[in-house]
Amino acid sequence: MREKKKSSNFLVQGTILAAASIIAKIIGLIYRIPLANILGDIGNSYYSTANEVYNIILFISSFSLPLAVSKLVSERIHRGEYRNAHRVFLCAVRFALVTGGILSLFTYAFAGIITKYVLSFEMAVHALRVLAPAIFVFALTGAFRGFFQGFSTMVPTAVSQVIEQIVNAVISLVCAGILYSYGMSLAAEEGNDLLGPAWGAAGATFGTVVSVTVALVFVMIIYTLQKRTLSRQLRRDHTEKREAEAYIYRTLILTILPIVLSTLIYNISNVADMGIFNKVLSGQGYTEAQYGTIWGIYSGRFRVLMNVPLSLASCLAPSIVPSLTAAMTKRDKKEAVRKVRMSIRFTMMLTIPSAVGMAALGGPIMEMLFHMETGLPLAEGLMQSGALLIIFYSLSTLTTGILQGLGKLKQPLINCSIALVLHFVLLYFLLKGPNLNIYAVIYSNIFFALVVCVLNALAIRRTLNYKQELYKTFAVPAIVSVIMGAAAYLVYSAFHLFAGNTFSTFAAILAGVVVYGVGMVSFRGITIEELAHFPKGHLIIRLLRKTGLLK
């Protein structure tokens, strides 16, 4: 019983991190609504541009650090080598200081060249320069988070993410408003109307700098509070072998490098898409304000909503890495297979209905959240066309984490490289040939994620001799989700005859949740054993038995 509880711990920890991430995303979604109104679509495009570049540099400097540190710490803990695990952490902190510092200075110095000549968004330079210090701070935060994750506890990471997002929301809104007014006063003097949105975006990015600093202080406090427990573990460690720092640095770099490259390739498509899209539309006669408005709707509205369900997979992936590492260290392939199956099923049960729900209620949700006076048809079309992105991106992110947990660090890099090349070919063709405008970005991203999913699935099958169960994992959630989507749309249409959009949307979402839950149980899409692995799973089982849905 204890072993079963331990083996399902990754799902509990993943759910904790996913729940915190969803809370953080909801907070982010809430504050992005007034922020979008302050900045406008052009300001949103500058804000998103700075954040896209910032994220790419984070992937190079430190975004993969928590995953790598958690993997190396987990390996040593399961061998009882607590001293070596702590030495990995100390080396990771020094590594973060160097890489974060160098790339932070690089970003500040070359921000103008990147925004003007690479992305064709010259006025995003102010926002990117303001973000530069956050790269250094985030690197240090990542080392602490990875250390805690290596002990299979996601709570410090989860809580710090929520705190970070709350601070970010408050500071971003206040500073965006102040600096937008400052930019408009400069615009009156210099005759450049883009200065207001540009400086407003810079104010919004300052919230990121402050929030990441607060998150760093929080995890450092948690580490200090845990020092006594850690000291006891270090005293009980009688391992004779003490790993040299040179060996740890080499191992850390060799572990980080393939993760960095695969994650970088996986996410660089957003920045590259922006550059290609802007240059092609500029060549077709669009002004910066015109293509900036289109990209602002795509990045500031569609992608913000899409990232809420995507956070499920992005949180479950880091939680499964130390768990799979432990199973492979013990050469327990049966346990590894079980964890892979559970994580994929759990992700699909949540992301498939999210995708269908977004497609069915895309327009009402956009209208409810953003109160869009212009651009609503485009935003609704993006939601409907891009629903598949939620499913494929979630699955590709999760399977990339699975391969990394299985020790196949180079395979995701190879798979993402192949998919990226095909993605750019298709994107350029769709922009120049059928002239699909922003929809070309949507369709080529769906294709990219699908290719990664297929290649990752083949690699997992080769490694574990694993064959994915299809009916309960994909077919049942898809069938029930279609029924749910139809029910939600009918409820919205009925309520909208006499009620406003907001009330009708909430009623439709609630109806969809109920229909999906009942449908999954009725179609036997989830078993009692699987429900028991969920946090508070036994309470859910008791409730379903009382309602007669479970026997």
Protein backbone atom coordinates (compact mmCIF):
# COMPACT_ATOMS: atom_id res chain seq x y z
CA MET A 1 0.00 0.00 0.00
CA ARG A 2 2.86 2.35 0.86
CA GLU A 3 4.54 1.62 -2.48
CA LYS A 4 1.32 2.34 -4.36
CA LYS A 5 0.94 5.62 -2.49
CA LYS A 6 4.53 6.55 -3.30
CA SER A 7 4.13 5.62 -6.93
CA SER A 8 1.13 7.87 -7.36
CA ASN A 9 2.82 10.76 -5.54
CA PHE A 10 4.03 12.28 -8.81
CA LEU A 11 0.39 12.68 -9.89
CA VAL A 12 -0.51 14.36 -6.60
CA GLN A 13 2.53 16.64 -6.81
CA GLY A 14 1.79 17.33 -10.47
CA THR A 15 -1.80 18.20 -9.57
CA ILE A 16 -0.60 20.57 -6.82
CA LEU A 17 1.68 22.33 -9.30
CA ALA A 18 -1.02 22.29 -11.98
CA ALA A 19 -3.61 23.72 -9.56
CA ALA A 20 -1.20 26.48 -8.54
CA SER A 21 -0.34 27.14 -12.16
CA ILE A 22 -4.02 27.36 -13.12
CA ILE A 23 -4.61 29.79 -10.24
CA ALA A 24 -1.61 31.79 -11.45
CA LYS A 25 -2.89 31.67 -15.04
CA ILE A 26 -6.35 32.79 -13.94
CA ILE A 27 -4.79 35.69 -12.04
CA GLY A 28 -2.75 36.42 -15.16
CA LEU A 29 -5.87 36.23 -17.30
CA ILE A 30 -7.76 38.58 -14.97
CA TYR A 31 -5.06 41.24 -14.92
CA ARG A 32 -4.39 40.92 -18.66
CA ILE A 33 -7.96 42.14 -19.30
CA PRO A 34 -7.45 45.66 -17.84
CA LEU A 35 -3.85 45.59 -19.06
CA ALA A 36 -5.05 44.95 -22.61
CA ASN A 37 -7.43 47.88 -22.27
CA ILE A 38 -4.60 50.13 -21.01
CA LEU A 39 -2.09 49.14 -23.69
CA GLY A 40 -4.40 48.52 -26.65
CA ASP A 41 -3.66 45.89 -29.30
CA ILE A 42 -0.44 47.59 -30.44
CA GLY A 43 0.83 47.92 -26.88
CA ASN A 44 -0.10 44.28 -26.34
CA SER A 45 2.04 43.31 -29.32
CA TYR A 46 5.04 45.19 -27.83
CA TYR A 47 4.44 43.60 -24.43
CA SER A 48 4.16 40.11 -25.96
CA THR A 49 7.23 40.69 -28.13
CA ALA A 50 9.37 41.57 -25.11
CA ASN A 51 8.04 38.56 -23.21
CA GLU A 52 8.66 36.18 -26.11
CA VAL A 53 12.32 37.28 -26.35
CA TYR A 54 12.62 37.16 -22.55
CA ASN A 55 11.27 33.59 -22.52
CA ILE A 56 13.69 32.47 -25.22
CA ILE A 57 16.66 33.87 -23.27
CA LEU A 58 15.31 32.23 -20.10
CA PHE A 59 15.27 28.90 -21.93
CA ILE A 60 18.95 29.41 -22.75
CA SER A 61 20.03 30.65 -19.32
CA SER A 62 17.88 29.02 -16.69
CA PHE A 63 14.39 27.80 -17.66
CA SER A 64 15.64 24.22 -17.94
CA LEU A 65 17.63 24.55 -14.72
CA PRO A 66 14.83 23.40 -12.36
CA LEU A 67 14.23 20.30 -14.51
CA ALA A 68 17.93 19.43 -14.71
CA VAL A 69 18.56 20.07 -11.01
CA SER A 70 15.49 18.05 -9.98
CA LYS A 71 16.69 15.13 -12.12
CA LEU A 72 20.24 15.14 -10.71
CA VAL A 73 19.08 15.69 -7.11
CA SER A 74 16.46 12.94 -7.41
CA GLU A 75 19.06 10.44 -8.68
CA ARG A 76 21.32 11.07 -5.69
CA ILE A 77 18.53 11.08 -3.11
CA HIS A 78 17.33 7.67 -4.27
CA ARG A 79 20.88 6.41 -3.77
CA GLY A 80 20.95 7.95 -0.27
CA GLU A 81 23.60 10.51 -1.29
CA TYR A 82 22.20 13.63 0.39
CA ARG A 83 25.56 15.41 0.52
CA ASN A 84 26.09 14.97 -3.20
CA ALA A 85 22.50 16.11 -3.84
CA HIS A 86 23.18 19.31 -1.89
CA ARG A 87 26.46 19.84 -3.74
CA VAL A 88 24.48 19.68 -7.01
CA PHE A 89 22.26 22.47 -5.69
CA LEU A 90 25.19 24.67 -4.66
CA CYS A 91 26.84 24.21 -8.05
CA ALA A 92 23.51 25.03 -9.74
CA VAL A 93 23.30 28.33 -7.80
CA ARG A 94 26.80 29.33 -8.96
CA PHE A 95 25.95 28.26 -12.50
CA ALA A 96 22.79 30.42 -12.37
CA LEU A 97 24.74 33.43 -11.13
CA VAL A 98 27.11 33.28 -14.10
CA THR A 99 24.71 32.41 -16.94
CA GLY A 100 21.90 34.62 -15.65
CA GLY A 101 24.21 37.58 -15.19
CA ILE A 102 25.84 37.30 -18.63
CA LEU A 103 22.57 36.89 -20.54
CA SER A 104 20.88 39.65 -18.56
CA LEU A 105 23.60 42.08 -19.66
CA PHE A 106 23.46 40.72 -23.22
CA THR A 107 19.70 41.32 -23.40
CA TYR A 108 19.97 44.90 -22.21
CA ALA A 109 22.84 45.72 -24.59
CA PHE A 110 21.34 44.15 -27.74
CA ALA A 111 17.62 44.81 -27.13
CA GLY A 112 17.50 47.49 -29.83
CA ILE A 113 19.03 45.25 -32.50
CA ILE A 114 16.75 42.31 -31.65
CA THR A 115 13.50 44.28 -31.70
CA LYS A 116 14.28 46.42 -34.75
CA TYR A 117 16.09 44.11 -37.16
CA VAL A 118 14.93 40.62 -36.13
CA LEU A 119 11.30 41.15 -35.10
CA SER A 120 10.37 44.38 -36.91
CA PHE A 121 8.91 45.82 -33.67
CA GLU A 122 11.39 48.62 -32.94
CA MET A 123 9.27 50.22 -30.21
CA ALA A 124 9.34 47.05 -28.09
CA VAL A 125 12.92 47.92 -27.09
CA HIS A 126 11.88 49.73 -23.89
CA ALA A 127 9.88 46.77 -22.58
CA LEU A 128 12.70 44.32 -23.35
CA ARG A 129 15.35 46.43 -21.59
CA VAL A 130 13.19 46.70 -18.49
CA LEU A 131 12.86 42.89 -18.47
CA ALA A 132 16.61 42.25 -18.64
CA PRO A 133 17.28 42.10 -14.84
CA ALA A 134 14.52 39.50 -14.42
CA ILE A 135 16.66 36.99 -16.36
CA PHE A 136 19.31 37.06 -13.64
CA VAL A 137 16.79 36.81 -10.79
CA PHE A 138 14.82 34.00 -12.45
CA ALA A 139 17.98 31.93 -12.89
CA LEU A 140 18.59 31.92 -9.13
CA THR A 141 14.92 31.17 -8.42
CA GLY A 142 15.08 28.21 -10.80
CA ALA A 143 17.98 26.62 -8.89
CA PHE A 144 15.99 26.69 -5.64
CA ARG A 145 12.83 25.37 -7.30
CA GLY A 146 14.74 22.51 -8.91
CA PHE A 147 16.23 21.54 -5.55
CA PHE A 148 12.79 21.26 -3.94
CA GLN A 149 11.40 19.37 -6.96
CA GLY A 150 14.26 16.88 -6.67
CA PHE A 151 12.83 15.97 -3.25
CA SER A 152 9.48 15.37 -5.02
CA THR A 153 7.79 18.34 -3.40
CA MET A 154 6.16 20.89 -5.67
CA VAL A 155 4.65 23.01 -2.88
CA PRO A 156 7.42 25.70 -2.69
CA THR A 157 7.36 26.06 -6.48
CA ALA A 158 3.57 26.15 -6.55
CA VAL A 159 3.18 28.73 -3.78
CA SER A 160 5.96 30.93 -5.17
CA GLN A 161 4.27 30.92 -8.59
CA VAL A 162 0.98 32.14 -7.13
CA ILE A 163 2.70 34.86 -5.07
CA GLU A 164 4.73 35.84 -8.12
CA GLN A 165 1.62 36.24 -10.26
CA ILE A 166 -0.27 38.27 -7.66
CA VAL A 167 2.62 40.74 -7.31
CA ASN A 168 3.02 40.80 -11.09
CA ALA A 169 -0.66 41.67 -11.59
CA VAL A 170 -0.62 44.61 -9.17
CA ILE A 171 2.72 46.14 -10.18
CA SER A 172 2.15 45.64 -13.92
CA LEU A 173 -1.20 47.44 -13.95
CA VAL A 174 0.01 50.36 -11.83
CA CYS A 175 3.25 50.86 -13.75
CA ALA A 176 1.61 50.33 -17.16
CA GLY A 177 -0.86 53.12 -16.43
CA ILE A 178 1.82 55.50 -15.16
CA LEU A 179 4.28 54.90 -18.00
CA TYR A 180 1.56 54.90 -20.67
CA SER A 181 0.66 58.46 -19.59
CA TYR A 182 4.37 59.34 -19.65
CA GLY A 183 4.71 57.89 -23.16
CA MET A 184 1.68 59.83 -24.41
CA SER A 185 3.22 63.08 -23.13
CA LEU A 186 6.38 62.21 -25.08
CA ALA A 187 4.24 61.39 -28.11
CA ALA A 188 2.71 64.87 -28.00
CA GLU A 189 6.19 66.37 -28.01
CA GLU A 190 7.79 64.10 -30.63
CA GLY A 191 4.77 63.37 -32.83
CA ASN A 192 5.05 59.56 -32.49
CA ASP A 193 1.78 57.97 -31.33
CA LEU A 194 3.50 54.62 -30.72
CA LEU A 195 5.42 55.99 -27.72
CA GLY A 196 2.40 55.66 -25.43
CA PRO A 197 1.86 51.91 -26.04
CA ALA A 198 5.64 51.32 -26.05
CA TRP A 199 6.24 52.91 -22.64
CA GLY A 200 3.04 51.34 -21.28
CA ALA A 201 4.41 47.91 -22.26
CA ALA A 202 7.66 48.79 -20.47
CA GLY A 203 5.70 49.56 -17.32
CA ALA A 204 3.89 46.24 -17.59
CA THR A 205 7.15 44.30 -17.88
CA PHE A 206 8.49 46.00 -14.75
CA GLY A 207 5.88 43.97 -12.86
CA THR A 208 7.69 40.80 -13.97
CA VAL A 209 10.99 42.05 -12.53
CA VAL A 210 9.45 42.83 -9.14
CA SER A 211 7.39 39.60 -8.99
CA VAL A 212 10.32 37.30 -9.82
CA THR A 213 12.39 39.05 -7.12
CA VAL A 214 9.61 38.42 -4.56
CA ALA A 215 9.46 34.74 -5.65
CA LEU A 216 13.24 34.43 -5.14
CA VAL A 217 12.99 35.87 -1.63
CA PHE A 218 10.16 33.42 -0.84
CA VAL A 219 12.04 30.26 -1.94
CA MET A 220 15.15 31.44 -0.10
CA ILE A 221 13.09 31.78 3.09
CA ILE A 222 11.67 28.25 2.61
CA TYR A 223 15.20 26.91 2.06
CA THR A 224 16.36 28.61 5.28
CA LEU A 225 13.43 27.15 7.22
CA GLN A 226 14.26 23.67 5.89
CA LYS A 227 17.93 23.97 6.86
CA ARG A 228 17.50 21.95 10.11
CA THR A 229 15.87 19.00 8.32
CA LEU A 230 18.48 19.16 5.59
CA SER A 231 21.29 19.19 8.16
CA ARG A 232 19.92 15.99 9.74
CA GLN A 233 19.82 14.31 6.33
CA LEU A 234 23.39 15.37 5.60
CA ARG A 235 24.60 13.99 8.96
CA ARG A 236 22.93 10.63 8.29
CA ASP A 237 24.62 10.39 4.88
CA HIS A 238 27.64 8.10 5.26
CA THR A 239 28.35 7.80 1.54
CA GLU A 240 32.10 7.64 1.06
CA LYS A 241 32.06 8.94 -2.50
CA ARG A 242 32.05 12.75 -2.62
CA GLU A 243 31.51 14.08 -6.12
CA ALA A 244 33.98 16.73 -7.24
CA GLU A 245 32.57 20.11 -8.25
CA ALA A 246 34.16 19.82 -11.69
CA TYR A 247 32.29 16.53 -12.22
CA ILE A 248 29.01 18.08 -11.03
CA TYR A 249 29.39 21.10 -13.33
CA ARG A 250 30.14 18.82 -16.26
CA THR A 251 27.15 16.59 -15.44
CA LEU A 252 24.93 19.65 -14.96
CA ILE A 253 25.93 21.12 -18.31
CA LEU A 254 25.56 17.78 -20.13
CA THR A 255 22.11 17.38 -18.57
CA ILE A 256 21.03 20.96 -19.22
CA LEU A 257 22.33 21.25 -22.78
CA PRO A 258 19.95 18.81 -24.53
CA ILE A 259 17.04 20.05 -22.38
CA VAL A 260 17.90 23.66 -23.22
CA LEU A 261 18.18 22.97 -26.93
CA SER A 262 15.01 20.89 -27.15
CA THR A 263 13.04 23.41 -25.06
CA LEU A 264 14.54 26.29 -27.02
CA ILE A 265 13.61 24.75 -30.35
CA TYR A 266 10.19 23.88 -28.98
CA ASN A 267 9.52 27.50 -27.97
CA ILE A 268 11.61 29.55 -30.38
CA SER A 269 8.90 29.03 -32.99
CA ASN A 270 6.83 31.77 -31.29
CA VAL A 271 9.53 34.40 -31.81
CA ALA A 272 10.39 33.10 -35.28
CA ASP A 273 6.71 33.05 -36.22
CA MET A 274 6.45 36.68 -35.18
CA GLY A 275 9.49 37.67 -37.24
CA ILE A 276 8.33 35.78 -40.35
CA PHE A 277 4.73 37.02 -40.01
CA ASN A 278 5.78 40.66 -39.58
CA LYS A 279 8.24 40.61 -42.48
CA VAL A 280 5.83 38.88 -44.89
CA LEU A 281 2.97 41.25 -44.03
CA SER A 282 5.30 44.24 -44.20
CA GLY A 283 6.25 43.10 -47.70
CA GLN A 284 2.56 42.86 -48.57
CA GLY A 285 2.04 46.53 -47.69
CA TYR A 286 0.83 46.34 -44.10
CA THR A 287 2.04 49.03 -41.68
CA GLU A 288 3.57 48.24 -38.27
CA ALA A 289 0.34 49.43 -36.60
CA GLN A 290 -1.75 47.06 -38.77
CA TYR A 291 0.24 43.86 -38.37
CA GLY A 292 0.94 44.85 -34.76
CA THR A 293 -2.81 44.96 -34.08
CA ILE A 294 -3.34 41.51 -35.62
CA TRP A 295 -0.45 40.01 -33.66
CA GLY A 296 -1.70 41.74 -30.53
CA ILE A 297 -5.06 39.94 -30.79
CA TYR A 298 -3.28 36.63 -31.40
CA SER A 299 -0.71 36.96 -28.60
CA GLY A 300 -2.58 39.14 -26.11
CA ARG A 301 -5.96 37.42 -26.26
CA PHE A 302 -5.90 34.01 -27.97
CA ARG A 303 -2.59 32.80 -26.52
CA VAL A 304 -3.40 34.14 -23.04
CA LEU A 305 -6.56 32.00 -22.97
CA MET A 306 -4.87 29.00 -24.56
CA ASN A 307 -2.10 29.01 -21.94
CA VAL A 308 -4.55 28.30 -19.10
CA PRO A 309 -5.27 24.65 -20.08
CA LEU A 310 -1.72 24.27 -21.45
CA SER A 311 -0.40 24.90 -17.94
CA LEU A 312 -1.69 21.45 -16.93
CA ALA A 313 0.81 19.63 -19.12
CA SER A 314 3.61 22.08 -18.46
CA CYS A 315 3.23 21.38 -14.72
CA LEU A 316 2.78 17.62 -14.91
CA ALA A 317 5.93 17.28 -17.04
CA PRO A 318 8.39 18.54 -14.36
CA SER A 319 6.64 16.50 -11.66
CA ILE A 320 7.01 13.25 -13.60
CA VAL A 321 10.74 13.74 -14.37
CA PRO A 322 12.09 12.90 -10.86
CA SER A 323 9.48 10.14 -10.53
CA LEU A 324 10.52 8.46 -13.79
CA THR A 325 14.19 9.05 -12.96
CA ALA A 326 13.70 7.12 -9.71
CA ALA A 327 11.93 4.27 -11.52
CA MET A 328 14.67 4.00 -14.16
CA THR A 329 17.37 4.20 -11.45
CA LYS A 330 15.74 1.14 -9.84
CA ARG A 331 15.37 -0.46 -13.32
CA ASP A 332 11.63 -0.76 -12.71
CA LYS A 333 10.23 -0.45 -16.23
CA LYS A 334 6.81 -1.70 -15.15
CA GLU A 335 6.45 1.24 -12.76
CA ALA A 336 7.73 3.64 -15.42
CA VAL A 337 5.11 2.37 -17.90
CA ARG A 338 2.36 2.82 -15.32
CA LYS A 339 3.39 6.40 -14.63
CA VAL A 340 3.60 7.25 -18.32
CA ARG A 341 0.11 5.83 -18.90
CA MET A 342 -1.37 7.67 -15.91
CA SER A 343 0.19 11.03 -16.80
CA ILE A 344 -0.97 10.89 -20.43
CA ARG A 345 -4.51 9.84 -19.44
CA PHE A 346 -4.73 12.54 -16.79
CA THR A 347 -3.58 15.21 -19.25
CA MET A 348 -5.95 14.13 -22.02
CA MET A 349 -8.93 13.93 -19.66
CA LEU A 350 -8.44 17.63 -18.89
CA THR A 351 -7.10 19.15 -22.11
CA ILE A 352 -9.49 17.55 -24.64
CA PRO A 353 -12.62 19.03 -23.00
CA SER A 354 -10.77 22.34 -22.56
CA ALA A 355 -10.09 22.46 -26.30
CA VAL A 356 -13.67 21.59 -27.26
CA GLY A 357 -15.03 24.09 -24.74
CA MET A 358 -12.79 26.85 -26.10
CA ALA A 359 -13.99 26.10 -29.65
CA ALA A 360 -17.68 25.98 -28.68
CA LEU A 361 -17.65 29.15 -26.57
CA GLY A 362 -14.72 31.04 -28.06
CA GLY A 363 -16.66 34.16 -29.03
CA PRO A 364 -18.69 34.49 -25.80
CA ILE A 365 -15.57 33.94 -23.66
CA MET A 366 -13.61 36.57 -25.59
CA GLU A 367 -16.49 39.04 -25.35
CA MET A 368 -16.94 38.35 -21.62
CA LEU A 369 -13.28 38.71 -20.71
CA PHE A 370 -11.99 41.44 -22.99
CA HIS A 371 -15.13 43.46 -23.88
CA MET A 372 -13.75 43.79 -27.40
CA GLU A 373 -15.21 46.60 -29.48
CA THR A 374 -13.16 45.64 -32.54
CA GLY A 375 -11.47 42.42 -33.61
CA LEU A 376 -14.00 40.06 -31.97
CA PRO A 377 -14.67 38.03 -35.18
CA LEU A 378 -10.91 37.49 -35.62
CA ALA A 379 -10.47 36.51 -31.94
CA GLU A 380 -13.41 34.07 -32.18
CA GLY A 381 -12.03 32.57 -35.38
CA LEU A 382 -8.62 32.07 -33.76
CA MET A 383 -10.23 30.30 -30.79
CA GLN A 384 -12.12 27.92 -33.04
CA SER A 385 -9.23 27.26 -35.42
CA GLY A 386 -6.63 26.92 -32.66
CA ALA A 387 -8.49 24.54 -30.32
CA LEU A 388 -6.42 21.57 -31.48
CA LEU A 389 -3.29 23.42 -30.36
CA ILE A 390 -4.33 22.85 -26.74
CA ILE A 391 -4.42 19.07 -27.19
CA PHE A 392 -1.29 18.65 -29.30
CA TYR A 393 0.86 21.15 -27.40
CA SER A 394 -0.15 19.58 -24.08
CA LEU A 395 0.70 16.09 -25.28
CA SER A 396 3.96 17.13 -26.93
CA THR A 397 5.07 19.02 -23.79
CA LEU A 398 4.24 16.06 -21.55
CA THR A 399 5.90 13.45 -23.76
CA THR A 400 9.03 15.63 -23.98
CA GLY A 401 9.16 15.61 -20.15
CA ILE A 402 8.61 11.84 -20.14
CA LEU A 403 11.56 11.26 -22.47
CA GLN A 404 13.75 13.50 -20.30
CA GLY A 405 12.68 11.55 -17.21
CA LEU A 406 13.58 8.31 -19.00
CA GLY A 407 17.09 9.64 -19.59
CA LYS A 408 16.58 10.16 -23.34
CA LEU A 409 17.66 13.80 -23.25
CA LYS A 410 18.78 14.06 -26.88
CA GLN A 411 15.66 12.51 -28.43
CA PRO A 412 13.31 15.49 -27.79
CA LEU A 413 15.97 17.75 -29.34
CA ILE A 414 16.03 15.65 -32.51
CA ASN A 415 12.23 15.40 -32.68
CA CYS A 416 11.69 19.13 -32.13
CA SER A 417 14.34 20.02 -34.72
CA ILE A 418 12.62 17.93 -37.38
CA ALA A 419 9.21 19.39 -36.49
CA LEU A 420 10.55 22.97 -36.47
CA VAL A 421 11.99 22.76 -39.98
CA LEU A 422 8.71 21.36 -41.34
CA HIS A 423 6.80 24.01 -39.39
CA PHE A 424 8.70 26.93 -40.96
CA VAL A 425 8.30 25.51 -44.48
CA LEU A 426 4.55 25.19 -43.99
CA LEU A 427 4.23 28.64 -42.37
CA TYR A 428 6.02 30.41 -45.21
CA PHE A 429 3.95 28.56 -47.81
CA LEU A 430 0.64 29.37 -46.06
CA LEU A 431 1.56 33.05 -45.70
CA LYS A 432 2.78 33.49 -49.28
CA GLY A 433 0.54 30.99 -51.11
CA PRO A 434 -3.04 30.83 -49.80
CA ASN A 435 -2.35 34.13 -47.93
CA LEU A 436 -4.01 32.93 -44.73
CA ASN A 437 -2.62 35.80 -42.64
CA ILE A 438 -2.58 34.98 -38.89
CA TYR A 439 -4.37 31.66 -39.49
CA ALA A 440 -1.17 30.45 -41.17
CA VAL A 441 0.54 30.76 -37.77
CA ILE A 442 -2.23 28.72 -36.12
CA TYR A 443 -2.21 25.89 -38.66
CA SER A 444 1.58 25.60 -38.84
CA ASN A 445 1.80 25.45 -35.03
CA ILE A 446 -0.79 22.67 -34.93
CA PHE A 447 1.29 20.77 -37.47
CA PHE A 448 4.48 21.36 -35.47
CA ALA A 449 2.97 20.02 -32.23
CA LEU A 450 1.44 17.02 -34.03
CA VAL A 451 4.80 16.01 -35.52
CA VAL A 452 6.47 16.28 -32.08
CA CYS A 453 3.68 14.13 -30.55
CA VAL A 454 4.14 11.37 -33.13
CA LEU A 455 7.95 11.32 -32.93
CA ASN A 456 7.92 11.41 -29.10
CA ALA A 457 5.38 8.58 -28.96
CA LEU A 458 7.59 6.41 -31.20
CA ALA A 459 10.63 7.17 -29.00
CA ILE A 460 8.77 6.25 -25.79
CA ARG A 461 7.57 3.04 -27.40
CA ARG A 462 11.14 2.09 -28.34
CA THR A 463 12.44 2.88 -24.85
CA LEU A 464 9.80 1.10 -22.75
CA ASN A 465 8.22 -1.22 -25.29
CA TYR A 466 5.17 0.85 -24.44
CA LYS A 467 1.92 0.90 -26.41
CA GLN A 468 -0.51 3.69 -25.59
CA GLU A 469 -4.07 2.67 -24.70
CA LEU A 470 -6.34 4.60 -27.08
CA TYR A 471 -10.00 4.06 -26.16
CA LYS A 472 -10.10 5.43 -22.61
CA THR A 473 -7.28 7.90 -23.13
CA PHE A 474 -8.44 9.56 -26.34
CA ALA A 475 -11.74 8.18 -27.69
CA VAL A 476 -13.92 8.45 -24.59
CA PRO A 477 -12.77 11.99 -23.61
CA ALA A 478 -13.23 13.10 -27.23
CA ILE A 479 -16.77 11.64 -27.53
CA VAL A 480 -17.86 13.02 -24.16
CA SER A 481 -16.24 16.39 -24.95
CA VAL A 482 -18.22 16.72 -28.20
CA ILE A 483 -21.45 16.04 -26.26
CA MET A 484 -20.29 18.54 -23.63
CA GLY A 485 -19.51 21.18 -26.27
CA ALA A 486 -22.93 20.78 -27.89
CA ALA A 487 -24.66 21.00 -24.51
CA ALA A 488 -22.69 24.10 -23.51
CA TYR A 489 -23.49 25.83 -26.80
CA LEU A 490 -27.22 25.01 -26.49
CA VAL A 491 -27.31 26.28 -22.90
CA TYR A 492 -25.55 29.49 -23.96
CA SER A 493 -27.97 30.01 -26.87
CA ALA A 494 -31.00 29.40 -24.64
CA PHE A 495 -29.89 31.75 -21.84
CA HIS A 496 -28.73 34.41 -24.29
CA LEU A 497 -32.33 34.86 -25.44
CA PHE A 498 -33.15 36.63 -22.17
CA ALA A 499 -29.84 37.10 -20.29
CA GLY A 500 -26.60 38.92 -20.99
CA ASN A 501 -23.42 37.39 -22.43
CA THR A 502 -21.58 37.03 -19.11
CA PHE A 503 -24.36 35.17 -17.29
CA SER A 504 -25.04 32.96 -20.33
CA THR A 505 -21.34 32.10 -20.66
CA PHE A 506 -21.01 31.15 -17.00
CA ALA A 507 -24.17 29.00 -17.20
CA ALA A 508 -22.83 27.26 -20.33
CA ILE A 509 -19.43 26.56 -18.74
CA LEU A 510 -21.08 25.15 -15.60
CA ALA A 511 -23.35 22.95 -17.71
CA GLY A 512 -20.35 21.75 -19.70
CA VAL A 513 -18.43 20.76 -16.56
CA VAL A 514 -21.40 18.78 -15.21
CA VAL A 515 -22.09 17.04 -18.54
CA TYR A 516 -18.43 16.11 -18.98
CA GLY A 517 -18.06 14.75 -15.45
CA VAL A 518 -21.24 12.67 -15.69
CA GLY A 519 -20.33 11.52 -19.20
CA MET A 520 -16.83 10.32 -18.24
CA VAL A 521 -18.23 8.23 -15.41
CA SER A 522 -21.19 6.93 -17.47
CA PHE A 523 -18.98 5.94 -20.42
CA ARG A 524 -16.51 4.28 -18.02
CA GLY A 525 -13.82 6.70 -19.14
CA ILE A 526 -12.31 6.68 -15.67
CA THR A 527 -12.01 3.84 -13.16
CA ILE A 528 -12.36 3.82 -9.37
CA GLU A 529 -8.64 3.01 -9.06
CA GLU A 530 -7.71 6.03 -11.17
CA LEU A 531 -10.04 8.31 -9.23
CA ALA A 532 -8.42 7.13 -6.00
CA HIS A 533 -5.04 8.45 -7.24
CA PHE A 534 -6.45 11.97 -7.61
CA PRO A 535 -6.05 14.42 -4.74
CA LYS A 536 -9.17 13.94 -2.53
CA GLY A 537 -10.01 11.05 -4.84
CA HIS A 538 -11.78 9.07 -2.11
CA LEU A 539 -14.12 12.00 -1.44
CA ILE A 540 -14.95 12.13 -5.17
CA ILE A 541 -15.69 8.38 -5.17
CA ARG A 542 -17.99 8.68 -2.15
CA LEU A 543 -19.88 11.56 -3.79
CA LEU A 544 -20.32 9.63 -7.06
CA ARG A 545 -21.57 6.58 -5.17
CA LYS A 546 -24.12 8.67 -3.30
CA THR A 547 -25.43 10.05 -6.60
CA GLY A 548 -25.61 6.53 -8.07
CA LEU A 549 -23.08 7.20 -10.85
CA LEU A 550 -20.67 4.66 -9.36
CA LYS A 551 -21.53 1.31 -7.90
